[in-house]
Amino acid sequence: MSELENNFTSSIKYEEVLNSMLPYLSPREGDLLNPPARLQSEDDAIEIKYELEALGFVRFPGGPVLIGNENGLPCSIEGSRRNETPSRIIEVPPFYISKTAVTNKEFEKFDNNHSRTNTSIGDKNPVTCISYGRAISYIRWLNENSGLSFCLPTEPQYVAAVAPYGWQYPYSEGNHPKRGMQNHYKAFPQKYPTGELGATLEVDDDPMGANYLGLYHPTGNVSIFSFGHYPTVGHWGSNTDGSYVVVLGGNFRLCPFGTRSVTRGIVDVTGISDTVGIRLVHPDPDYLLQQRE
């Protein structure tokens, strides 16, 4: 057992996390937790895994993840980031996650009226300026057309995929980032549109390459919507009525410290931002079949 794990006496089952979300989910959101209707046999599981790999998904094999943070961001004027506490260990089952964020081109197959911004203008830049509800609608559309069961990542899934256990950053084990490793504020001005001090890079244009699991821009670039409504008590005045959702991983407007694996922001469900996008997950079909036995 690692020193980090020794600091905690017990871990939380992933099912407990999901169960805590259920009272706040709308029926439209709850549908995303249903397994693929066509998953009936091992042959079906093989076919689904093949499709996911062809679509650019990688598999997290399952295991413990350390989420949360007990310390404030060193560059934050707000002091302790109470919305990130407490730290806890959660056992996460296997799942698949997309190597890249959803692009403008991909999203606009669903909504050709989507408006791009100068900070994310190209076909291969991540889609931004969408609300949480619009992200849910897009994923429902994907599922209806594919027969699969895509979803937004939960917070434990996201943290598990973007960095090894206990790491604060995807590419460095310590607690201090190296500038220019993620796409943070002013990190790559030569790549930004004229006049911009920060902007997204294309989803597969990651100066550091893929992370340990195979993800590009695992943190930084754009923050990612997480699934569900987290009743988080914090000094931003967040409510416990489902009005807020959590976005993860930092973005191009934050300093290097904001690109941590546990960076957590709170946004209104109706709000839109040019710094928040979508990354997709899918349940592991083998794991789903095992749960039925």
Protein backbone atom coordinates (compact mmCIF):
# COMPACT_ATOMS: atom_id res chain seq x y z
CA MET A 1 0.00 0.00 0.00
CA SER A 2 1.35 3.45 -0.92
CA GLU A 3 1.99 6.27 1.54
CA LEU A 4 -0.95 8.14 0.04
CA GLU A 5 -3.27 5.20 0.55
CA ASN A 6 -2.07 4.83 4.15
CA ASN A 7 -3.44 8.30 4.87
CA PHE A 8 -6.98 6.99 4.39
CA THR A 9 -8.64 4.25 6.40
CA SER A 10 -11.25 3.23 3.86
CA SER A 11 -12.39 3.79 0.31
CA ILE A 12 -15.80 4.64 -1.11
CA LYS A 13 -17.54 2.32 -3.53
CA TYR A 14 -18.32 3.86 -6.89
CA GLU A 15 -21.95 2.79 -6.57
CA GLU A 16 -22.24 5.08 -3.54
CA VAL A 17 -21.15 8.00 -5.70
CA LEU A 18 -23.76 7.20 -8.34
CA ASN A 19 -26.48 6.69 -5.75
CA SER A 20 -25.73 10.10 -4.24
CA MET A 21 -26.39 11.67 -7.66
CA LEU A 22 -29.73 10.00 -8.37
CA PRO A 23 -32.00 12.44 -6.48
CA TYR A 24 -30.69 15.32 -8.61
CA LEU A 25 -30.83 13.67 -12.05
CA SER A 26 -33.56 14.42 -14.56
CA PRO A 27 -35.02 11.49 -16.54
CA ARG A 28 -33.01 12.69 -19.55
CA GLU A 29 -29.81 12.35 -17.56
CA GLY A 30 -30.79 9.10 -15.87
CA ASP A 31 -31.26 7.47 -19.28
CA LEU A 32 -27.53 7.88 -19.91
CA LEU A 33 -26.80 5.39 -17.13
CA ASN A 34 -28.67 2.60 -18.93
CA PRO A 35 -26.48 -0.08 -20.55
CA PRO A 36 -26.65 -0.59 -24.32
CA ALA A 37 -29.84 -2.49 -25.14
CA ARG A 38 -27.93 -4.60 -27.66
CA LEU A 39 -25.49 -5.88 -25.03
CA GLN A 40 -26.81 -9.41 -24.45
CA SER A 41 -23.81 -11.70 -24.91
CA GLU A 42 -20.02 -11.90 -24.97
CA ASP A 43 -20.14 -11.53 -28.75
CA ASP A 44 -22.04 -8.26 -28.30
CA ALA A 45 -19.39 -7.09 -25.83
CA ILE A 46 -16.61 -7.86 -28.30
CA GLU A 47 -18.41 -5.89 -31.01
CA ILE A 48 -18.97 -2.89 -28.74
CA LYS A 49 -15.33 -2.85 -27.61
CA TYR A 50 -14.22 -2.96 -31.25
CA GLU A 51 -16.47 0.00 -32.06
CA LEU A 52 -15.19 2.00 -29.10
CA GLU A 53 -11.57 1.41 -30.02
CA ALA A 54 -12.31 2.40 -33.62
CA LEU A 55 -13.85 5.64 -32.32
CA GLY A 56 -10.69 6.49 -30.39
CA PHE A 57 -11.57 5.30 -26.90
CA VAL A 58 -9.15 3.78 -24.39
CA ARG A 59 -9.90 1.58 -21.40
CA PHE A 60 -9.27 2.36 -17.75
CA PRO A 61 -8.89 -1.08 -16.14
CA GLY A 62 -10.45 -0.15 -12.81
CA GLY A 63 -8.88 0.64 -9.46
CA PRO A 64 -8.67 3.21 -6.67
CA VAL A 65 -8.59 6.92 -7.42
CA LEU A 66 -7.72 9.75 -5.04
CA ILE A 67 -10.00 12.73 -5.63
CA GLY A 68 -10.26 16.06 -3.89
CA ASN A 69 -7.62 18.38 -2.53
CA GLU A 70 -7.00 19.64 1.00
CA ASN A 71 -4.89 22.64 -0.03
CA GLY A 72 -5.67 25.86 -1.85
CA LEU A 73 -4.23 26.70 -5.24
CA PRO A 74 -0.91 28.55 -4.78
CA CYS A 75 -1.94 31.21 -7.31
CA SER A 76 -5.54 31.58 -6.14
CA ILE A 77 -6.65 34.85 -4.56
CA GLU A 78 -9.53 32.99 -2.95
CA GLY A 79 -7.43 31.09 -0.42
CA SER A 80 -8.44 27.51 0.37
CA ARG A 81 -10.47 25.92 -2.40
CA ARG A 82 -13.10 24.47 -0.10
CA ASN A 83 -15.10 23.11 -3.01
CA GLU A 84 -12.31 20.55 -3.53
CA THR A 85 -12.39 19.04 -0.05
CA PRO A 86 -12.29 16.49 1.42
CA SER A 87 -9.79 14.18 -0.22
CA ARG A 88 -11.08 10.63 -0.50
CA ILE A 89 -10.39 7.34 -2.23
CA ILE A 90 -13.02 5.89 -4.54
CA GLU A 91 -12.94 2.45 -6.16
CA VAL A 92 -13.68 3.01 -9.85
CA PRO A 93 -14.79 0.09 -12.06
CA PRO A 94 -13.45 -0.33 -15.62
CA PHE A 95 -14.70 2.09 -18.28
CA TYR A 96 -13.76 3.55 -21.66
CA ILE A 97 -12.95 7.22 -22.27
CA SER A 98 -12.32 9.19 -25.45
CA LYS A 99 -8.73 10.10 -26.23
CA THR A 100 -9.79 13.61 -27.21
CA ALA A 101 -12.49 16.13 -26.38
CA VAL A 102 -15.45 16.45 -28.74
CA THR A 103 -14.63 18.80 -31.63
CA ASN A 104 -16.64 21.56 -33.26
CA LYS A 105 -17.03 19.43 -36.37
CA GLU A 106 -18.33 16.44 -34.40
CA PHE A 107 -20.78 18.48 -32.35
CA GLU A 108 -22.09 20.37 -35.37
CA LYS A 109 -23.33 17.14 -36.92
CA PHE A 110 -25.90 17.38 -34.12
CA ASP A 111 -26.30 21.18 -34.04
CA ASN A 112 -25.33 23.01 -37.20
CA ASN A 113 -26.39 26.32 -35.62
CA HIS A 114 -23.65 26.15 -33.00
CA SER A 115 -21.59 29.36 -32.90
CA ARG A 116 -17.82 29.08 -32.65
CA THR A 117 -15.64 31.60 -30.86
CA ASN A 118 -12.27 33.02 -31.80
CA THR A 119 -10.70 31.00 -28.99
CA SER A 120 -11.94 27.71 -30.47
CA ILE A 121 -12.53 28.40 -34.13
CA GLY A 122 -11.35 25.37 -36.11
CA ASP A 123 -13.04 22.09 -37.02
CA LYS A 124 -10.61 20.17 -34.79
CA ASN A 125 -10.76 22.55 -31.85
CA PRO A 126 -12.90 21.46 -28.90
CA VAL A 127 -16.53 22.49 -28.95
CA THR A 128 -17.24 25.20 -26.35
CA CYS A 129 -19.99 27.70 -25.52
CA ILE A 130 -22.57 25.04 -24.80
CA SER A 131 -24.59 24.51 -21.65
CA TYR A 132 -24.60 21.35 -19.58
CA GLY A 133 -28.10 20.59 -20.85
CA ARG A 134 -26.95 20.96 -24.45
CA ALA A 135 -24.09 18.54 -23.76
CA ILE A 136 -26.61 16.03 -22.40
CA SER A 137 -28.79 16.47 -25.51
CA TYR A 138 -25.80 15.83 -27.76
CA ILE A 139 -24.93 12.61 -25.94
CA ARG A 140 -28.54 11.40 -26.05
CA TRP A 141 -28.47 12.00 -29.81
CA LEU A 142 -25.22 10.03 -30.11
CA ASN A 143 -26.71 7.12 -28.18
CA GLU A 144 -29.89 7.06 -30.25
CA ASN A 145 -27.87 6.95 -33.46
CA SER A 146 -25.19 4.49 -32.35
CA GLY A 147 -26.96 2.08 -30.01
CA LEU A 148 -24.19 2.73 -27.49
CA SER A 149 -24.30 4.27 -24.00
CA PHE A 150 -22.04 7.30 -23.97
CA CYS A 151 -22.07 9.66 -21.01
CA LEU A 152 -20.13 12.52 -19.48
CA PRO A 153 -17.42 11.35 -17.07
CA THR A 154 -18.16 11.37 -13.38
CA GLU A 155 -15.55 13.12 -11.29
CA PRO A 156 -13.89 9.86 -10.14
CA GLN A 157 -13.75 8.58 -13.74
CA TYR A 158 -12.15 11.79 -14.95
CA VAL A 159 -9.49 11.91 -12.24
CA ALA A 160 -8.70 8.22 -12.77
CA ALA A 161 -8.13 8.75 -16.49
CA VAL A 162 -6.12 11.96 -16.57
CA ALA A 163 -3.26 11.13 -14.18
CA PRO A 164 -1.78 8.13 -12.34
CA TYR A 165 -3.00 7.47 -8.81
CA GLY A 166 -2.27 10.36 -6.46
CA TRP A 167 -0.56 12.55 -9.06
CA GLN A 168 -1.50 16.23 -9.11
CA TYR A 169 -0.57 16.62 -12.78
CA PRO A 170 -0.74 14.27 -15.79
CA TYR A 171 2.95 14.46 -16.72
CA SER A 172 4.76 15.17 -13.44
CA GLU A 173 4.50 13.41 -10.11
CA GLY A 174 5.27 16.39 -7.89
CA ASN A 175 2.94 19.08 -6.61
CA HIS A 176 4.39 21.88 -8.73
CA PRO A 177 3.63 22.15 -12.45
CA LYS A 178 6.14 22.85 -15.14
CA ARG A 179 5.09 25.77 -17.28
CA GLY A 180 4.21 25.00 -20.86
CA MET A 181 3.32 21.36 -20.23
CA GLN A 182 -0.45 21.87 -20.51
CA ASN A 183 -2.30 24.53 -22.47
CA HIS A 184 -2.68 27.06 -19.66
CA TYR A 185 -2.84 30.86 -19.89
CA LYS A 186 -0.15 32.25 -22.22
CA ALA A 187 1.44 28.81 -22.58
CA PHE A 188 1.63 28.66 -26.39
CA PRO A 189 1.09 32.20 -27.78
CA GLN A 190 2.55 31.22 -31.15
CA LYS A 191 -0.36 28.83 -31.62
CA TYR A 192 -3.15 31.25 -30.61
CA PRO A 193 -5.19 33.49 -32.92
CA THR A 194 -3.80 37.01 -33.27
CA GLY A 195 -4.52 39.10 -30.21
CA GLU A 196 -5.42 36.21 -27.92
CA LEU A 197 -3.39 35.50 -24.76
CA GLY A 198 -5.09 32.16 -24.41
CA ALA A 199 -7.07 29.89 -26.72
CA THR A 200 -7.73 26.21 -27.32
CA LEU A 201 -5.41 24.02 -29.33
CA GLU A 202 -6.70 21.29 -31.62
CA VAL A 203 -7.81 18.29 -29.61
CA ASP A 204 -4.95 16.07 -30.81
CA ASP A 205 -2.32 18.83 -30.85
CA ASP A 206 -0.87 18.21 -27.40
CA PRO A 207 2.75 19.37 -27.03
CA MET A 208 3.30 16.70 -24.36
CA GLY A 209 1.73 13.89 -26.36
CA ALA A 210 -0.72 11.44 -24.84
CA ASN A 211 -0.84 10.81 -21.09
CA TYR A 212 -0.34 7.46 -19.35
CA LEU A 213 -3.72 6.16 -20.54
CA GLY A 214 -3.60 7.64 -24.04
CA LEU A 215 -5.54 10.89 -23.57
CA TYR A 216 -4.62 14.13 -25.33
CA HIS A 217 -4.97 17.36 -23.35
CA PRO A 218 -5.97 15.37 -20.26
CA THR A 219 -6.01 18.67 -18.35
CA GLY A 220 -5.74 22.23 -19.56
CA ASN A 221 -7.03 23.33 -22.98
CA VAL A 222 -10.70 23.14 -21.93
CA SER A 223 -12.37 22.15 -18.69
CA ILE A 224 -14.71 19.17 -19.02
CA PHE A 225 -18.32 18.89 -17.90
CA SER A 226 -18.74 16.13 -15.33
CA PHE A 227 -21.91 14.08 -15.07
CA GLY A 228 -24.53 14.86 -12.48
CA HIS A 229 -25.27 17.63 -10.01
CA TYR A 230 -22.90 17.79 -7.08
CA PRO A 231 -24.36 19.30 -3.88
CA THR A 232 -21.14 21.10 -3.02
CA VAL A 233 -20.96 23.56 -0.15
CA GLY A 234 -18.39 26.19 -1.06
CA HIS A 235 -17.71 29.87 -0.73
CA TRP A 236 -19.08 30.56 -4.21
CA GLY A 237 -22.55 30.09 -2.73
CA SER A 238 -23.38 26.86 -4.52
CA ASN A 239 -26.78 25.36 -3.76
CA THR A 240 -27.80 21.77 -3.09
CA ASP A 241 -30.83 21.82 -5.39
CA GLY A 242 -29.20 20.63 -8.60
CA SER A 243 -28.61 24.12 -10.00
CA TYR A 244 -24.88 23.60 -10.38
CA VAL A 245 -22.56 21.15 -12.07
CA VAL A 246 -18.84 20.57 -11.72
CA VAL A 247 -16.28 21.16 -14.46
CA LEU A 248 -12.89 19.52 -14.23
CA GLY A 249 -9.26 19.82 -15.23
CA GLY A 250 -8.55 23.49 -15.80
CA ASN A 251 -8.36 25.36 -19.11
CA PHE A 252 -6.47 27.86 -21.23
CA ARG A 253 -7.49 30.81 -19.03
CA LEU A 254 -6.01 29.38 -15.80
CA CYS A 255 -2.44 29.49 -14.55
CA PRO A 256 -0.29 26.32 -14.59
CA PHE A 257 -1.52 25.36 -11.12
CA GLY A 258 -5.03 25.23 -12.57
CA THR A 259 -4.14 22.25 -14.77
CA ARG A 260 -4.16 19.79 -11.87
CA SER A 261 -6.02 16.51 -12.16
CA VAL A 262 -8.26 17.58 -9.26
CA THR A 263 -8.99 21.14 -10.41
CA ARG A 264 -12.69 21.64 -9.84
CA GLY A 265 -14.98 24.50 -10.82
CA ILE A 266 -18.68 25.07 -10.24
CA VAL A 267 -20.92 26.40 -13.04
CA ASP A 268 -24.62 27.01 -13.39
CA VAL A 269 -26.42 24.38 -15.48
CA THR A 270 -27.64 27.09 -17.87
CA GLY A 271 -24.30 28.85 -18.23
CA ILE A 272 -22.04 28.71 -21.28
CA SER A 273 -18.31 29.41 -21.49
CA ASP A 274 -15.55 29.32 -24.08
CA THR A 275 -13.44 27.36 -21.59
CA VAL A 276 -15.70 24.31 -21.04
CA GLY A 277 -16.15 21.34 -23.38
CA ILE A 278 -17.12 17.67 -23.60
CA ARG A 279 -15.22 14.41 -23.22
CA LEU A 280 -17.09 11.11 -23.53
CA VAL A 281 -17.03 7.92 -21.49
CA HIS A 282 -18.69 4.53 -22.02
CA PRO A 283 -19.16 1.66 -19.56
CA ASP A 284 -16.97 -1.40 -20.02
CA PRO A 285 -19.25 -4.01 -21.67
CA ASP A 286 -17.41 -6.93 -20.04
CA TYR A 287 -17.92 -5.35 -16.63
CA LEU A 288 -21.63 -4.84 -17.35
CA LEU A 289 -22.04 -8.51 -18.26
CA GLN A 290 -20.22 -9.57 -15.09
CA GLN A 291 -22.60 -7.47 -13.00
CA ARG A 292 -25.55 -9.39 -14.44
CA GLU A 293 -24.21 -12.76 -13.34
